[in-house]
C-alpha atoms as a PDB file:
ATOM      1  CA  LEU A   1      18.134   5.054  16.170  1.00  0.00           C
ATOM      2  CA  PRO A   2      20.766   3.392  13.954  1.00  0.00           C
ATOM      3  CA  PRO A   3      20.538   2.583  10.225  1.00  0.00           C
ATOM      4  CA  PRO A   4      21.161  -0.639   8.319  1.00  0.00           C
ATOM      5  CA  PRO A   5      24.714  -0.997   6.978  1.00  0.00           C
ATOM      6  CA  PRO A   6      25.831   0.407   3.603  1.00  0.00           C
ATOM      7  CA  PRO A   7      26.551  -3.078   2.118  1.00  0.00           C
ATOM      8  CA  PHE A   8      22.806  -3.353   1.511  1.00  0.00           C
ATOM      9  CA  SER A   9      23.249  -0.517  -0.965  1.00  0.00           C
ATOM     10  CA  THR A  10      24.235  -1.741  -4.386  1.00  0.00           C
ATOM     11  CA  HIS A  11      23.511  -0.564  -7.891  1.00  0.00           C
ATOM     12  CA  ARG A  12      20.911  -3.324  -8.206  1.00  0.00           C
ATOM     13  CA  VAL A  13      19.306  -2.853  -4.805  1.00  0.00           C
ATOM     14  CA  PRO A  14      19.188   0.829  -3.753  1.00  0.00           C
ATOM     15  CA  TYR A  15      19.867   1.623  -0.123  1.00  0.00           C
ATOM     16  CA  ARG A  16      16.757   1.621   2.027  1.00  0.00           C
ATOM     17  CA  GLN A  17      16.831   3.501   5.310  1.00  0.00           C
ATOM     18  CA  GLN A  18      15.708   1.911   8.577  1.00  0.00           C
ATOM     19  CA  THR A  19      12.054   2.909   8.734  1.00  0.00           C
ATOM     20  CA  ASP A  20      12.002   4.251  12.319  1.00  0.00           C
ATOM     21  CA  LEU A  21      15.014   6.439  11.641  1.00  0.00           C
ATOM     22  CA  LEU A  22      13.450   7.652   8.398  1.00  0.00           C
ATOM     23  CA  TYR A  23      10.125   8.367  10.114  1.00  0.00           C
ATOM     24  CA  MET A  24      11.721  10.367  12.924  1.00  0.00           C
ATOM     25  CA  THR A  25      14.252  12.341  10.876  1.00  0.00           C
ATOM     26  CA  GLY A  26      13.588  12.062   7.125  1.00  0.00           C
ATOM     27  CA  PHE A  27      17.282  11.248   6.692  1.00  0.00           C
ATOM     28  CA  GLN A  28      17.994   8.891   3.775  1.00  0.00           C
ATOM     29  CA  GLU A  29      21.759   8.329   3.911  1.00  0.00           C
ATOM     30  CA  PRO A  30      23.564   5.309   5.408  1.00  0.00           C
ATOM     31  CA  GLY A  31      25.907   5.555   8.372  1.00  0.00           C
ATOM     32  CA  ALA A  32      23.755   7.955  10.405  1.00  0.00           C
ATOM     33  CA  LEU A  33      22.656   7.841  14.028  1.00  0.00           C
ATOM     34  CA  ALA A  34      19.844   9.829  15.655  1.00  0.00           C
ATOM     35  CA  VAL A  35      19.915  10.514  19.402  1.00  0.00           C
ATOM     36  CA  PHE A  36      16.804  11.996  20.998  1.00  0.00           C
ATOM     37  CA  THR A  37      17.117  13.277  24.550  1.00  0.00           C
ATOM     38  CA  LYS A  38      14.214  14.363  26.720  1.00  0.00           C
ATOM     39  CA  GLY A  39      14.521  17.270  29.110  1.00  0.00           C
ATOM     40  CA  GLY A  40      12.677  18.031  32.336  1.00  0.00           C
ATOM     41  CA  ASP A  41       9.774  19.592  30.465  1.00  0.00           C
ATOM     42  CA  ALA A  42       7.453  17.041  28.860  1.00  0.00           C
ATOM     43  CA  ASP A  43       7.652  18.894  25.540  1.00  0.00           C
ATOM     44  CA  GLU A  44      11.414  19.392  25.616  1.00  0.00           C
ATOM     45  CA  LEU A  45      13.098  17.113  23.083  1.00  0.00           C
ATOM     46  CA  THR A  46      16.560  17.488  21.588  1.00  0.00           C
ATOM     47  CA  LEU A  47      17.805  15.782  18.429  1.00  0.00           C
ATOM     48  CA  ALA A  48      21.489  15.074  17.863  1.00  0.00           C
ATOM     49  CA  MET A  49      22.697  13.371  14.695  1.00  0.00           C
ATOM     50  CA  VAL A  50      25.886  11.541  13.802  1.00  0.00           C
ATOM     51  CA  VAL A  51      26.714  11.308  10.093  1.00  0.00           C
ATOM     52  CA  ARG A  52      29.466   9.847   7.949  1.00  0.00           C
ATOM     53  CA  ASP A  53      32.830  11.565   7.764  1.00  0.00           C
ATOM     54  CA  GLU A  54      33.827  13.353   4.594  1.00  0.00           C
ATOM     55  CA  ASP A  55      35.363  11.066   1.994  1.00  0.00           C
ATOM     56  CA  LYS A  56      36.147  12.935  -1.223  1.00  0.00           C
ATOM     57  CA  ARG A  57      37.017   9.781  -3.141  1.00  0.00           C
ATOM     58  CA  ALA A  58      33.788   7.994  -2.178  1.00  0.00           C
ATOM     59  CA  GLU A  59      31.728  11.115  -2.843  1.00  0.00           C
ATOM     60  CA  VAL A  60      33.001  11.303  -6.422  1.00  0.00           C
ATOM     61  CA  TRP A  61      31.607   7.797  -6.904  1.00  0.00           C
ATOM     62  CA  ASP A  62      28.415   7.847  -4.793  1.00  0.00           C
ATOM     63  CA  GLY A  63      27.571  11.554  -4.495  1.00  0.00           C
ATOM     64  CA  GLY A  64      27.836  14.138  -1.767  1.00  0.00           C
ATOM     65  CA  ARG A  65      27.245  13.498   1.925  1.00  0.00           C
ATOM     66  CA  THR A  66      25.228  15.601   4.327  1.00  0.00           C
ATOM     67  CA  SER A  67      27.512  17.420   6.753  1.00  0.00           C
ATOM     68  CA  PRO A  68      26.775  18.136  10.425  1.00  0.00           C
ATOM     69  CA  GLN A  69      25.892  21.686   9.376  1.00  0.00           C
ATOM     70  CA  GLY A  70      23.486  20.269   6.812  1.00  0.00           C
ATOM     71  CA  CYS A  71      21.798  18.234   9.547  1.00  0.00           C
ATOM     72  CA  THR A  72      21.114  21.345  11.624  1.00  0.00           C
ATOM     73  CA  GLU A  73      20.004  23.409   8.631  1.00  0.00           C
ATOM     74  CA  HIS A  74      17.858  20.893   6.762  1.00  0.00           C
ATOM     75  CA  PHE A  75      16.901  18.143   9.247  1.00  0.00           C
ATOM     76  CA  LEU A  76      16.296  20.366  12.288  1.00  0.00           C
ATOM     77  CA  ALA A  77      18.936  18.674  14.426  1.00  0.00           C
ATOM     78  CA  ASP A  78      19.946  20.656  17.496  1.00  0.00           C
ATOM     79  CA  LYS A  79      23.455  19.179  17.374  1.00  0.00           C
ATOM     80  CA  ALA A  80      25.326  17.121  14.783  1.00  0.00           C
ATOM     81  CA  TYR A  81      28.676  15.374  14.568  1.00  0.00           C
ATOM     82  CA  HIS A  82      30.841  13.413  12.187  1.00  0.00           C
ATOM     83  CA  ALA A  83      31.232   9.697  12.963  1.00  0.00           C
ATOM     84  CA  SER A  84      34.850  10.302  13.973  1.00  0.00           C
ATOM     85  CA  GLN A  85      33.549  12.545  16.799  1.00  0.00           C
ATOM     86  CA  ALA A  86      30.992  10.020  18.084  1.00  0.00           C
ATOM     87  CA  GLY A  87      33.342   8.475  20.650  1.00  0.00           C
ATOM     88  CA  ASP A  88      33.422  11.751  22.554  1.00  0.00           C
ATOM     89  CA  ALA A  89      29.938  13.015  21.701  1.00  0.00           C
ATOM     90  CA  LEU A  90      27.766  10.006  22.574  1.00  0.00           C
ATOM     91  CA  PRO A  91      28.803   9.653  26.250  1.00  0.00           C
ATOM     92  CA  GLN A  92      28.134  13.357  26.733  1.00  0.00           C
ATOM     93  CA  LEU A  93      24.712  13.129  25.062  1.00  0.00           C
ATOM     94  CA  LEU A  94      23.682  10.176  27.249  1.00  0.00           C
ATOM     95  CA  ALA A  95      25.346  11.259  30.494  1.00  0.00           C
ATOM     96  CA  ALA A  96      22.179  12.553  32.165  1.00  0.00           C
ATOM     97  CA  ALA A  97      19.886   9.772  30.916  1.00  0.00           C
ATOM     98  CA  SER A  98      18.271   7.469  33.477  1.00  0.00           C
ATOM     99  CA  HIS A  99      16.906   5.168  30.776  1.00  0.00           C
ATOM    100  CA  VAL A 100      18.263   4.624  27.247  1.00  0.00           C
ATOM    101  CA  PHE A 101      16.108   3.207  24.459  1.00  0.00           C
ATOM    102  CA  TYR A 102      18.333   1.404  21.981  1.00  0.00           C
ATOM    103  CA  ASP A 103      17.914  -1.883  20.110  1.00  0.00           C
ATOM    104  CA  SER A 104      21.188  -3.400  21.250  1.00  0.00           C
ATOM    105  CA  ALA A 105      20.626  -6.971  20.058  1.00  0.00           C
ATOM    106  CA  GLY A 106      19.100  -5.980  16.731  1.00  0.00           C
ATOM    107  CA  THR A 107      21.807  -3.468  15.892  1.00  0.00           C
ATOM    108  CA  ALA A 108      24.620  -5.815  16.907  1.00  0.00           C
ATOM    109  CA  ASP A 109      23.191  -8.401  14.516  1.00  0.00           C
ATOM    110  CA  VAL A 110      22.384  -6.140  11.549  1.00  0.00           C
ATOM    111  CA  ASN A 111      25.034  -3.426  11.824  1.00  0.00           C
ATOM    112  CA  PRO A 112      27.920  -4.507  14.098  1.00  0.00           C
ATOM    113  CA  LYS A 113      30.091  -1.560  13.048  1.00  0.00           C
ATOM    114  CA  MET A 114      27.469   0.917  14.228  1.00  0.00           C
ATOM    115  CA  HIS A 115      26.896  -1.089  17.423  1.00  0.00           C
ATOM    116  CA  ALA A 116      30.622  -0.982  18.199  1.00  0.00           C
ATOM    117  CA  MET A 117      30.444   2.820  17.989  1.00  0.00           C
ATOM    118  CA  VAL A 118      27.422   3.067  20.319  1.00  0.00           C
ATOM    119  CA  GLU A 119      28.151   0.325  22.860  1.00  0.00           C
ATOM    120  CA  PRO A 120      30.906   2.129  24.844  1.00  0.00           C
ATOM    121  CA  ALA A 121      28.514   5.007  25.528  1.00  0.00           C
ATOM    122  CA  LEU A 122      26.060   2.551  27.114  1.00  0.00           C
ATOM    123  CA  ALA A 123      28.561   1.050  29.557  1.00  0.00           C
ATOM    124  CA  ASP A 124      27.357   3.035  32.572  1.00  0.00           C
ATOM    125  CA  HIS A 125      23.623   2.704  31.852  1.00  0.00           C
ATOM    126  CA  LEU A 126      21.747  -0.075  33.642  1.00  0.00           C
ATOM    127  CA  HIS A 127      18.399   0.553  31.958  1.00  0.00           C
ATOM    128  CA  VAL A 128      18.665  -0.018  28.205  1.00  0.00           C
ATOM    129  CA  SER A 129      15.674  -1.287  26.229  1.00  0.00           C
ATOM    130  CA  SER A 130      14.454  -1.342  22.646  1.00  0.00           C
ATOM    131  CA  PRO A 131      12.430   1.652  21.394  1.00  0.00           C
ATOM    132  CA  THR A 132      10.623  -0.440  18.765  1.00  0.00           C
ATOM    133  CA  SER A 133       7.303  -0.989  20.555  1.00  0.00           C
ATOM    134  CA  ILE A 134       7.016   2.695  21.519  1.00  0.00           C
ATOM    135  CA  LEU A 135       7.877   3.976  18.055  1.00  0.00           C
ATOM    136  CA  HIS A 136       5.577   1.539  16.292  1.00  0.00           C
ATOM    137  CA  LYS A 137       2.713   2.569  18.544  1.00  0.00           C
ATOM    138  CA  VAL A 138       3.340   6.184  17.563  1.00  0.00           C
ATOM    139  CA  ARG A 139       3.611   5.267  13.878  1.00  0.00           C
ATOM    140  CA  SER A 140       0.350   3.305  13.965  1.00  0.00           C
ATOM    141  CA  VAL A 141      -1.581   6.568  14.266  1.00  0.00           C
ATOM    142  CA  LYS A 142      -1.596   8.166  10.832  1.00  0.00           C
ATOM    143  CA  SER A 143      -2.063  11.834  10.065  1.00  0.00           C
ATOM    144  CA  GLU A 144      -4.285  12.980   7.205  1.00  0.00           C
ATOM    145  CA  ALA A 145      -1.163  13.698   5.168  1.00  0.00           C
ATOM    146  CA  GLU A 146       0.171  10.173   5.764  1.00  0.00           C
ATOM    147  CA  VAL A 147      -3.155   8.565   4.811  1.00  0.00           C
ATOM    148  CA  SER A 148      -3.244  10.623   1.616  1.00  0.00           C
ATOM    149  CA  LEU A 149       0.336   9.648   0.780  1.00  0.00           C
ATOM    150  CA  MET A 150      -0.404   5.962   1.383  1.00  0.00           C
ATOM    151  CA  ALA A 151      -3.436   6.155  -0.907  1.00  0.00           C
ATOM    152  CA  SER A 152      -1.382   7.853  -3.631  1.00  0.00           C
ATOM    153  CA  SER A 153       1.339   5.235  -3.287  1.00  0.00           C
ATOM    154  CA  GLY A 154      -1.169   2.396  -3.567  1.00  0.00           C
ATOM    155  CA  ALA A 155      -2.820   3.968  -6.604  1.00  0.00           C
ATOM    156  CA  ALA A 156       0.538   4.396  -8.334  1.00  0.00           C
ATOM    157  CA  ALA A 157       1.493   0.779  -7.614  1.00  0.00           C
ATOM    158  CA  ALA A 158      -1.853  -0.464  -8.966  1.00  0.00           C
ATOM    159  CA  ALA A 159      -1.442   1.603 -12.142  1.00  0.00           C
ATOM    160  CA  GLY A 160       2.069   0.203 -12.561  1.00  0.00           C
ATOM    161  CA  VAL A 161       0.871  -3.398 -12.238  1.00  0.00           C
ATOM    162  CA  LYS A 162      -1.869  -2.796 -14.810  1.00  0.00           C
ATOM    163  CA  ALA A 163       0.627  -1.239 -17.228  1.00  0.00           C
ATOM    164  CA  ALA A 164       2.970  -4.196 -16.765  1.00  0.00           C
ATOM    165  CA  MET A 165       0.149  -6.679 -17.386  1.00  0.00           C
ATOM    166  CA  ARG A 166      -0.862  -4.899 -20.601  1.00  0.00           C
ATOM    167  CA  SER A 167       2.733  -4.981 -21.846  1.00  0.00           C
ATOM    168  CA  ALA A 168       3.293  -8.676 -21.099  1.00  0.00           C
ATOM    169  CA  VAL A 169       2.945 -10.145 -24.589  1.00  0.00           C
ATOM    170  CA  ALA A 170       4.982 -12.800 -26.353  1.00  0.00           C
ATOM    171  CA  GLY A 171       8.139 -11.499 -28.001  1.00  0.00           C
ATOM    172  CA  ARG A 172       8.856  -8.754 -25.477  1.00  0.00           C
ATOM    173  CA  THR A 173      11.439  -9.137 -22.747  1.00  0.00           C
ATOM    174  CA  GLU A 174      11.051  -9.263 -19.019  1.00  0.00           C
ATOM    175  CA  SER A 175      13.004  -6.005 -18.818  1.00  0.00           C
ATOM    176  CA  TYR A 176      10.414  -4.330 -21.066  1.00  0.00           C
ATOM    177  CA  VAL A 177       7.644  -5.307 -18.658  1.00  0.00           C
ATOM    178  CA  ALA A 178       9.724  -4.143 -15.679  1.00  0.00           C
ATOM    179  CA  ALA A 179      10.326  -0.802 -17.388  1.00  0.00           C
ATOM    180  CA  GLU A 180       6.578  -0.345 -17.917  1.00  0.00           C
ATOM    181  CA  TYR A 181       5.937  -0.803 -14.206  1.00  0.00           C
ATOM    182  CA  GLU A 182       8.821   1.360 -13.019  1.00  0.00           C
ATOM    183  CA  GLY A 183       8.152   4.100 -15.558  1.00  0.00           C
ATOM    184  CA  THR A 184       4.475   4.272 -14.634  1.00  0.00           C
ATOM    185  CA  VAL A 185       4.946   4.582 -10.875  1.00  0.00           C
ATOM    186  CA  LYS A 186       7.698   7.159 -11.266  1.00  0.00           C
ATOM    187  CA  ARG A 187       5.635   9.232 -13.684  1.00  0.00           C
ATOM    188  CA  LEU A 188       2.944   9.218 -10.999  1.00  0.00           C
ATOM    189  CA  GLY A 189       5.326  10.688  -8.449  1.00  0.00           C
ATOM    190  CA  ALA A 190       7.181   7.771  -6.841  1.00  0.00           C
ATOM    191  CA  TRP A 191      10.768   8.631  -5.947  1.00  0.00           C
ATOM    192  CA  ARG A 192      11.857   4.989  -5.898  1.00  0.00           C
ATOM    193  CA  LEU A 193      10.507   1.452  -5.796  1.00  0.00           C
ATOM    194  CA  SER A 194       9.966  -0.432  -2.537  1.00  0.00           C
ATOM    195  CA  PHE A 195      12.018  -3.296  -3.996  1.00  0.00           C
ATOM    196  CA  PRO A 196      13.497  -4.170  -7.408  1.00  0.00           C
ATOM    197  CA  CYS A 197      11.096  -5.450 -10.054  1.00  0.00           C
ATOM    198  CA  VAL A 198      10.881  -9.215 -10.281  1.00  0.00           C
ATOM    199  CA  VAL A 199       9.533 -10.056 -13.737  1.00  0.00           C
ATOM    200  CA  ALA A 200       9.996 -13.790 -14.103  1.00  0.00           C
ATOM    201  CA  SER A 201       8.512 -15.675 -17.059  1.00  0.00           C
ATOM    202  CA  GLY A 202       8.426 -19.419 -17.675  1.00  0.00           C
ATOM    203  CA  ARG A 203      10.840 -21.390 -15.514  1.00  0.00           C
ATOM    204  CA  ASN A 204      12.250 -18.151 -14.118  1.00  0.00           C
ATOM    205  CA  ALA A 205       9.104 -17.879 -12.019  1.00  0.00           C
ATOM    206  CA  LEU A 206      10.499 -20.694  -9.855  1.00  0.00           C
ATOM    207  CA  THR A 207      13.331 -18.426  -8.673  1.00  0.00           C
ATOM    208  CA  LEU A 208      12.271 -16.563  -5.526  1.00  0.00           C
ATOM    209  CA  HIS A 209      14.450 -13.471  -5.962  1.00  0.00           C
ATOM    210  CA  TYR A 210      14.865 -13.410  -9.711  1.00  0.00           C
ATOM    211  CA  LEU A 211      16.333 -10.065 -10.819  1.00  0.00           C
ATOM    212  CA  GLN A 212      17.865 -10.818 -14.234  1.00  0.00           C
ATOM    213  CA  ASN A 213      14.754  -9.715 -16.171  1.00  0.00           C
ATOM    214  CA  GLN A 214      16.445 -10.636 -19.443  1.00  0.00           C
ATOM    215  CA  ALA A 215      14.403 -13.511 -20.908  1.00  0.00           C
ATOM    216  CA  GLN A 216      12.027 -13.140 -23.824  1.00  0.00           C
ATOM    217  CA  LEU A 217       8.373 -13.796 -23.063  1.00  0.00           C
ATOM    218  CA  LYS A 218       6.838 -16.777 -24.846  1.00  0.00           C
ATOM    219  CA  SER A 219       3.230 -17.850 -25.410  1.00  0.00           C
ATOM    220  CA  GLY A 220       1.680 -20.437 -23.128  1.00  0.00           C
END
């Protein structure tokens, strides 16, 4: 399970993890790879993770990175490696596999750098197919905890929209309205927004992905 590439992460658009990878591991950082291997026993499943190498300069700017040890301690990985070790680790992890589930076409299109790291390990495997349909079937069945979380998320979003609507009066700015929405959902427990606030008044409403949120609201 590979992630989307880091270029999607900017200060205006926070990085959003690939949802299958997030669902299976809870890991939020870019540049990670999760490899699940099944043993002879039906219940035997091993998780190996590949994470970004240390980069002290980048970490000063963007924050710390989870180490391989952190993956085993906090994300229950059985094995973990730095990206620089993946060339040796991946062939070993997949050596005994008769069938590999990997979205080759999708990853090559969205994250070619990650695909270039994985592809050599697939060279000797004739049966490679996408895991998407299997994972989405599993994800379609929600636990009580997931249903409760979805309801809480929906309630927070609804409260945020109502707060934004109440604040949308002439003389205020689009950023004021955006702040009302974001502040409300975060006070109600949201860690982040699903996407940046688009508060577009007047002619700005004709812009599909308007993110400036700087104009003053006018009557009419």
